[in-house]
């Protein structure tokens, strides 16, 4: 099948670009001296996870327990859940998973740690956890100045093994200056390493320092004391990272094929991909007119409005050639939620569909 034969909307991935992206990140992290534990929430696809491991990844990261369960069912056995697990139902599921595979999770409070401890004791298990610290994202994570005391309290609980320090500071979003991104990454990594070393000095076996995402992984991997980095978006890349200078449009492996279904005005077209396909993420760092994706073949045309099943294009002079039935290929602004909206995607080479891949962990938000 050729891509032209696919019904729309459809996600297509250039497999050559995908494999180059995976190989490039693996090589850069290895050269910097750290291990790669890629975040699979970007692709949610076991076949891509296997490709990452073949290129040298030491293990895998997931965002949610449900994603970990999908990967365990697919045969993966070294997983980090980059999140806090709170609540009796989740912790019973974690106990079942911990009997099957090597799994670690994050904790940023004594309340959460005690929940883990109680279940570990009741189930006759030991849960391995990483202390989650806030290094600038201001989302979750204990503040660095409180981290050592919290780590000591967690490490004293029964059924808990405090095995590392965890951080995610993002990539100073919207910052296109490489030097600023590097400094942001070094700050994150340095803070995490300092906390880990203080805990080590107090006798805790904190062996892992796990930091960074796609925008900062290569910089952070070179910081002495960092053991692993967790980039995710790099497998596909997207427009938001491209706008920040992290990857290029040519390295964006994923496109959304969408068909023009209406031409109600000379400067307007309507496509069959709306918010249920493109997501509502606007393009970062693009002034007052960001758009909901980027059409590489028509760079002056903007996706200006989304309904659930419709996208509205404001056409420039080149875009006015579009006719009902034509297909455009859109690079998403934020690829991670885009994948989570799809049942499957098509891997292609030179315009020919090689195979269809199921998004096996789609919707695993619990």
Protein backbone atom coordinates (compact mmCIF):
# COMPACT_ATOMS: atom_id res chain seq x y z
CA UNK A 1 0.00 0.00 0.00
CA UNK A 2 1.15 3.52 -0.78
CA UNK A 3 0.54 6.36 1.66
CA UNK A 4 -1.81 7.87 -0.92
CA UNK A 5 -4.10 4.86 -0.41
CA UNK A 6 -4.53 5.44 3.33
CA UNK A 7 -7.83 6.71 4.63
CA UNK A 8 -7.60 9.99 6.53
CA UNK A 9 -6.80 11.23 9.04
CA UNK A 10 -3.84 8.90 9.45
CA UNK A 11 -0.52 9.06 11.27
CA UNK A 12 2.46 8.07 9.15
CA UNK A 13 6.02 7.68 10.42
CA UNK A 14 9.09 7.65 8.23
CA UNK A 15 10.88 4.58 9.58
CA UNK A 16 14.27 5.64 8.28
CA UNK A 17 14.01 8.94 10.15
CA UNK A 18 12.73 7.17 13.25
CA UNK A 19 15.68 4.77 13.27
CA UNK A 20 18.18 7.59 12.65
CA UNK A 21 16.73 9.56 15.56
CA UNK A 22 16.97 6.57 17.88
CA UNK A 23 20.53 5.76 16.84
CA UNK A 24 21.66 9.38 17.12
CA UNK A 25 20.38 9.91 20.67
CA UNK A 26 21.76 6.57 21.80
CA UNK A 27 25.19 7.43 20.43
CA UNK A 28 25.25 10.91 21.96
CA UNK A 29 24.23 9.73 25.42
CA UNK A 30 26.71 6.85 25.31
CA UNK A 31 29.51 9.20 24.28
CA UNK A 32 28.60 11.55 27.14
CA UNK A 33 29.03 8.72 29.63
CA UNK A 34 25.50 7.98 30.90
CA UNK A 35 22.89 5.31 30.30
CA UNK A 36 19.78 5.90 28.23
CA UNK A 37 16.38 5.05 29.70
CA UNK A 38 14.00 6.46 27.08
CA UNK A 39 10.52 7.64 27.96
CA UNK A 40 7.99 5.52 26.09
CA UNK A 41 5.00 7.83 26.66
CA UNK A 42 5.92 9.47 23.36
CA UNK A 43 5.27 6.38 21.24
CA UNK A 44 3.41 3.91 23.51
CA UNK A 45 4.44 1.22 21.05
CA UNK A 46 6.31 -1.96 22.13
CA UNK A 47 8.01 -2.37 18.75
CA UNK A 48 9.65 1.06 19.11
CA UNK A 49 10.71 0.21 22.66
CA UNK A 50 12.43 -2.92 21.34
CA UNK A 51 14.23 -0.82 18.75
CA UNK A 52 15.42 1.53 21.48
CA UNK A 53 16.80 -1.39 23.48
CA UNK A 54 18.54 -2.80 20.42
CA UNK A 55 20.28 0.55 20.07
CA UNK A 56 21.62 0.34 23.61
CA UNK A 57 18.95 1.64 25.98
CA UNK A 58 19.49 0.24 29.48
CA UNK A 59 15.79 0.11 30.34
CA UNK A 60 12.55 1.99 29.77
CA UNK A 61 10.62 4.83 31.38
CA UNK A 62 6.83 5.12 31.52
CA UNK A 63 4.52 7.85 32.76
CA UNK A 64 1.83 5.70 34.30
CA UNK A 65 1.42 2.30 35.92
CA UNK A 66 -0.91 1.26 33.09
CA UNK A 67 1.86 1.84 30.55
CA UNK A 68 4.19 -0.28 32.68
CA UNK A 69 1.66 -3.11 32.70
CA UNK A 70 1.38 -3.00 28.90
CA UNK A 71 5.16 -3.19 28.52
CA UNK A 72 5.44 -5.99 31.06
CA UNK A 73 2.82 -7.93 29.10
CA UNK A 74 4.97 -7.35 25.99
CA UNK A 75 8.02 -8.90 27.69
CA UNK A 76 9.93 -5.88 29.02
CA UNK A 77 11.37 -6.32 32.48
CA UNK A 78 13.25 -3.16 33.56
CA UNK A 79 10.85 -0.24 34.02
CA UNK A 80 10.87 3.13 35.76
CA UNK A 81 7.51 4.73 36.46
CA UNK A 82 8.29 8.45 36.35
CA UNK A 83 5.48 9.38 38.67
CA UNK A 84 4.16 9.16 42.20
CA UNK A 85 1.80 6.23 42.82
CA UNK A 86 -0.88 7.11 45.35
CA UNK A 87 -3.93 5.13 46.44
CA UNK A 88 -4.67 1.56 47.51
CA UNK A 89 -5.78 0.34 44.09
CA UNK A 90 -2.62 1.53 42.34
CA UNK A 91 -0.35 0.13 45.02
CA UNK A 92 -1.98 -3.30 44.84
CA UNK A 93 -1.36 -3.21 41.08
CA UNK A 94 2.24 -2.16 41.71
CA UNK A 95 2.67 -5.13 44.02
CA UNK A 96 1.42 -7.50 41.32
CA UNK A 97 3.72 -5.91 38.77
CA UNK A 98 6.72 -6.04 41.11
CA UNK A 99 6.34 -9.81 41.33
CA UNK A 100 6.71 -10.01 37.53
CA UNK A 101 9.38 -7.49 36.56
CA UNK A 102 11.98 -5.10 37.96
CA UNK A 103 10.06 -1.88 38.50
CA UNK A 104 10.84 1.37 40.31
CA UNK A 105 8.66 4.40 40.99
CA UNK A 106 9.07 7.92 42.35
CA UNK A 107 8.14 9.50 45.66
CA UNK A 108 8.20 13.12 46.81
CA UNK A 109 6.42 12.96 50.18
CA UNK A 110 6.52 11.01 53.39
CA UNK A 111 2.77 10.42 53.05
CA UNK A 112 3.25 8.67 49.71
CA UNK A 113 6.25 6.75 50.99
CA UNK A 114 4.29 5.44 53.96
CA UNK A 115 1.56 4.22 51.63
CA UNK A 116 4.19 2.30 49.67
CA UNK A 117 5.72 0.98 52.87
CA UNK A 118 2.40 -0.28 54.24
CA UNK A 119 1.60 -2.19 51.05
CA UNK A 120 5.13 -3.57 50.79
CA UNK A 121 4.91 -4.90 54.32
CA UNK A 122 1.46 -6.39 53.75
CA UNK A 123 2.54 -8.04 50.49
CA UNK A 124 5.93 -9.24 51.70
CA UNK A 125 7.75 -7.11 49.11
CA UNK A 126 10.33 -4.36 48.93
CA UNK A 127 9.58 -1.42 46.65
CA UNK A 128 12.48 0.39 45.01
CA UNK A 129 11.90 4.14 44.81
CA UNK A 130 13.64 7.26 43.56
CA UNK A 131 13.34 10.53 45.44
CA UNK A 132 11.69 13.07 43.13
CA UNK A 133 13.14 16.57 43.54
CA UNK A 134 12.03 19.87 42.01
CA UNK A 135 14.81 21.38 39.91
CA UNK A 136 12.90 24.18 38.22
CA UNK A 137 9.78 22.82 36.54
CA UNK A 138 7.70 23.57 39.66
CA UNK A 139 5.41 20.62 39.10
CA UNK A 140 5.98 17.78 41.55
CA UNK A 141 9.09 17.02 43.53
CA UNK A 142 10.40 17.97 46.95
CA UNK A 143 12.37 21.20 47.14
CA UNK A 144 16.13 20.54 47.05
CA UNK A 145 16.77 22.05 50.48
CA UNK A 146 14.27 19.61 52.01
CA UNK A 147 15.28 16.60 49.94
CA UNK A 148 17.97 15.09 52.16
CA UNK A 149 15.79 15.11 55.27
CA UNK A 150 12.91 13.56 53.34
CA UNK A 151 15.25 10.97 51.82
CA UNK A 152 16.47 9.97 55.28
CA UNK A 153 12.90 9.56 56.52
CA UNK A 154 11.89 7.51 53.49
CA UNK A 155 14.99 5.35 53.67
CA UNK A 156 14.14 4.41 57.25
CA UNK A 157 10.72 2.98 56.36
CA UNK A 158 10.25 -0.79 56.21
CA UNK A 159 9.74 -2.34 52.80
CA UNK A 160 11.29 0.63 50.97
CA UNK A 161 14.64 0.74 49.19
CA UNK A 162 15.70 4.29 48.35
CA UNK A 163 17.79 3.57 45.26
CA UNK A 164 18.14 6.93 43.56
CA UNK A 165 17.30 10.55 42.91
CA UNK A 166 14.95 11.61 40.13
CA UNK A 167 14.35 14.95 38.41
CA UNK A 168 12.68 16.43 35.38
CA UNK A 169 13.15 20.16 34.80
CA UNK A 170 11.94 20.20 31.20
CA UNK A 171 13.88 22.11 28.58
CA UNK A 172 13.29 25.72 29.60
CA UNK A 173 10.34 25.63 27.22
CA UNK A 174 10.23 28.28 24.55
CA UNK A 175 13.93 29.06 24.93
CA UNK A 176 15.66 28.72 21.58
CA UNK A 177 19.13 29.65 22.82
CA UNK A 178 21.34 26.55 23.09
CA UNK A 179 23.55 28.06 25.79
CA UNK A 180 20.54 28.83 27.97
CA UNK A 181 19.21 25.29 27.52
CA UNK A 182 22.62 23.88 28.43
CA UNK A 183 22.76 25.97 31.61
CA UNK A 184 19.23 24.85 32.49
CA UNK A 185 20.26 21.21 32.03
CA UNK A 186 23.43 21.62 34.08
CA UNK A 187 21.46 23.21 36.89
CA UNK A 188 19.03 20.30 36.97
CA UNK A 189 21.74 17.65 36.83
CA UNK A 190 23.99 19.40 39.35
CA UNK A 191 21.18 19.77 41.87
CA UNK A 192 20.19 16.11 41.58
CA UNK A 193 23.79 14.92 41.90
CA UNK A 194 24.37 17.09 44.98
CA UNK A 195 21.31 15.61 46.74
CA UNK A 196 22.37 12.08 45.83
CA UNK A 197 25.90 12.61 47.15
CA UNK A 198 24.64 14.00 50.43
CA UNK A 199 22.41 10.96 50.90
CA UNK A 200 25.30 8.66 49.99
CA UNK A 201 27.46 10.41 52.59
CA UNK A 202 24.79 9.59 55.16
CA UNK A 203 24.94 5.90 54.34
CA UNK A 204 22.10 5.45 51.88
CA UNK A 205 22.64 3.28 48.80
CA UNK A 206 21.48 5.93 46.35
CA UNK A 207 23.09 4.59 43.18
CA UNK A 208 20.92 6.20 40.50
CA UNK A 209 20.70 9.82 39.42
CA UNK A 210 18.00 9.90 36.75
CA UNK A 211 17.39 13.24 35.02
CA UNK A 212 16.49 15.15 31.86
CA UNK A 213 14.34 14.84 28.77
CA UNK A 214 14.89 15.33 25.05
CA UNK A 215 15.83 19.00 25.27
CA UNK A 216 18.52 18.53 27.92
CA UNK A 217 19.56 14.88 27.85
CA UNK A 218 22.83 15.26 25.98
CA UNK A 219 24.02 18.08 28.25
CA UNK A 220 22.92 16.38 31.47
CA UNK A 221 24.42 13.02 30.49
CA UNK A 222 27.90 14.55 30.60
CA UNK A 223 27.59 15.77 34.21
CA UNK A 224 29.68 13.57 36.57
CA UNK A 225 27.38 11.63 38.84
CA UNK A 226 24.43 11.42 36.45
CA UNK A 227 23.78 7.75 35.73
CA UNK A 228 20.85 7.92 33.28
CA UNK A 229 18.76 10.28 31.17
CA UNK A 230 15.18 9.86 29.99
CA UNK A 231 14.46 11.57 26.63
CA UNK A 232 11.24 10.61 24.88
CA UNK A 233 10.17 13.01 22.12
CA UNK A 234 13.40 12.49 20.16
CA UNK A 235 12.08 9.32 18.52
CA UNK A 236 9.60 11.32 16.43
CA UNK A 237 10.47 14.96 17.22
CA UNK A 238 7.83 17.66 16.82
CA UNK A 239 7.36 21.32 15.94
CA UNK A 240 7.67 22.65 19.47
CA UNK A 241 11.14 21.18 19.86
CA UNK A 242 12.04 22.21 16.32
CA UNK A 243 11.06 25.81 17.11
CA UNK A 244 13.43 25.67 20.08
CA UNK A 245 16.29 24.43 17.94
CA UNK A 246 16.14 20.92 19.36
CA UNK A 247 16.10 18.85 16.19
CA UNK A 248 14.99 20.09 12.80
CA UNK A 249 11.91 19.77 10.65
CA UNK A 250 13.86 17.26 8.55
CA UNK A 251 14.25 15.11 11.68
CA UNK A 252 10.51 15.08 12.40
CA UNK A 253 9.61 11.49 11.56
CA UNK A 254 5.85 11.72 12.12
CA UNK A 255 3.21 13.36 9.95
CA UNK A 256 -0.57 13.46 10.10
CA UNK A 257 -2.20 12.99 6.72
CA UNK A 258 -5.48 14.90 6.53
CA UNK A 259 -7.84 15.51 3.62
CA UNK A 260 -9.44 18.77 2.50
CA UNK A 261 -13.19 18.30 2.81
CA UNK A 262 -14.41 21.85 2.18
CA UNK A 263 -13.27 25.05 0.42
CA UNK A 264 -15.83 27.56 1.67
CA UNK A 265 -13.79 30.69 0.84
CA UNK A 266 -10.74 31.58 -1.29
CA UNK A 267 -8.55 31.94 1.79
CA UNK A 268 -10.05 29.09 3.83
CA UNK A 269 -10.05 25.31 3.70
CA UNK A 270 -11.39 22.72 6.10
CA UNK A 271 -9.65 19.39 6.79
CA UNK A 272 -10.85 16.19 8.43
CA UNK A 273 -8.43 16.39 11.38
CA UNK A 274 -9.60 18.32 14.42
CA UNK A 275 -8.79 18.40 18.13
CA UNK A 276 -9.27 14.61 18.40
CA UNK A 277 -6.29 14.17 16.08
CA UNK A 278 -4.06 17.25 16.30
CA UNK A 279 -4.63 18.09 20.01
CA UNK A 280 -5.07 21.69 21.12
CA UNK A 281 -1.36 22.38 21.71
CA UNK A 282 -0.29 25.49 19.85
CA UNK A 283 3.15 25.97 18.38
CA UNK A 284 5.69 27.27 20.91
CA UNK A 285 7.70 30.41 20.32
CA UNK A 286 5.72 31.55 17.28
CA UNK A 287 4.35 34.94 18.27
CA UNK A 288 0.65 35.75 18.26
CA UNK A 289 -0.25 33.40 15.40
CA UNK A 290 1.05 29.98 16.40
CA UNK A 291 -1.27 27.52 14.66
CA UNK A 292 -2.13 23.95 15.60
CA UNK A 293 0.55 22.22 13.53
CA UNK A 294 2.85 22.85 10.60
CA UNK A 295 2.33 21.94 6.95
CA UNK A 296 5.86 21.68 5.61
CA UNK A 297 4.78 21.88 1.96
CA UNK A 298 2.75 25.05 2.67
CA UNK A 299 4.70 26.87 5.39
CA UNK A 300 2.68 30.08 5.07
CA UNK A 301 -0.64 28.34 5.58
CA UNK A 302 -1.85 28.21 9.18
CA UNK A 303 -4.16 25.83 11.02
CA UNK A 304 -6.06 28.54 12.84
CA UNK A 305 -9.03 26.78 14.46
CA UNK A 306 -10.02 23.30 15.60
CA UNK A 307 -13.31 21.61 16.30
CA UNK A 308 -13.45 17.99 17.36
CA UNK A 309 -13.53 16.65 13.79
CA UNK A 310 -12.59 19.74 11.75
CA UNK A 311 -9.49 21.85 11.27
CA UNK A 312 -9.61 25.24 9.58
CA UNK A 313 -6.73 26.39 7.40
CA UNK A 314 -6.05 30.04 6.63
CA UNK A 315 -4.46 29.81 3.22
CA UNK A 316 -1.61 31.90 1.87
CA UNK A 317 -1.19 32.36 -1.88
CA UNK A 318 0.44 28.95 -2.31
CA UNK A 319 -2.22 27.30 -0.17
CA UNK A 320 -5.04 28.57 -2.34
CA UNK A 321 -4.23 25.85 -4.83
CA UNK A 322 -5.73 23.28 -2.43
CA UNK A 323 -8.85 21.59 -3.71
CA UNK A 324 -11.47 19.37 -2.12
CA UNK A 325 -9.98 15.89 -1.86
CA UNK A 326 -6.35 17.02 -1.62
CA UNK A 327 -4.24 15.68 1.26
CA UNK A 328 -1.92 17.73 3.44
CA UNK A 329 0.74 16.36 5.80
CA UNK A 330 0.95 18.06 9.19
CA UNK A 331 3.79 17.92 11.69
CA UNK A 332 2.16 18.08 15.14
CA UNK A 333 3.20 20.69 17.65
CA UNK A 334 3.32 18.19 20.51
CA UNK A 335 3.67 14.62 19.41
CA UNK A 336 3.08 12.80 22.72
CA UNK A 337 -0.66 13.54 23.09
CA UNK A 338 -1.05 13.15 19.33
CA UNK A 339 0.02 9.50 19.55
CA UNK A 340 -2.24 8.92 22.54
CA UNK A 341 -5.26 9.93 20.43
CA UNK A 342 -4.58 7.27 17.80
CA UNK A 343 -5.32 3.55 17.70
CA UNK A 344 -2.40 2.94 15.34
CA UNK A 345 0.15 4.52 13.05
CA UNK A 346 1.70 3.48 9.75
CA UNK A 347 5.41 2.94 9.29
CA UNK A 348 6.51 3.97 5.80
CA UNK A 349 9.66 4.00 3.69
CA UNK A 350 9.83 6.03 0.49
CA UNK A 351 6.07 6.54 0.57
CA UNK A 352 5.27 2.82 0.82
CA UNK A 353 3.51 1.48 3.91
CA UNK A 354 5.69 -1.18 5.50
CA UNK A 355 3.39 -2.08 8.39
CA UNK A 356 0.78 -0.80 10.80
CA UNK A 357 1.74 -0.42 14.47
CA UNK A 358 -0.79 -0.56 17.30
CA UNK A 359 -0.52 2.13 19.98
CA UNK A 360 -0.70 -0.57 22.63
CA UNK A 361 -0.54 1.77 25.65
CA UNK A 362 -3.05 4.26 24.28
CA UNK A 363 -5.26 5.75 26.99
CA UNK A 364 -3.35 4.15 29.88
CA UNK A 365 -3.75 7.16 32.14
CA UNK A 366 -4.16 5.26 35.41
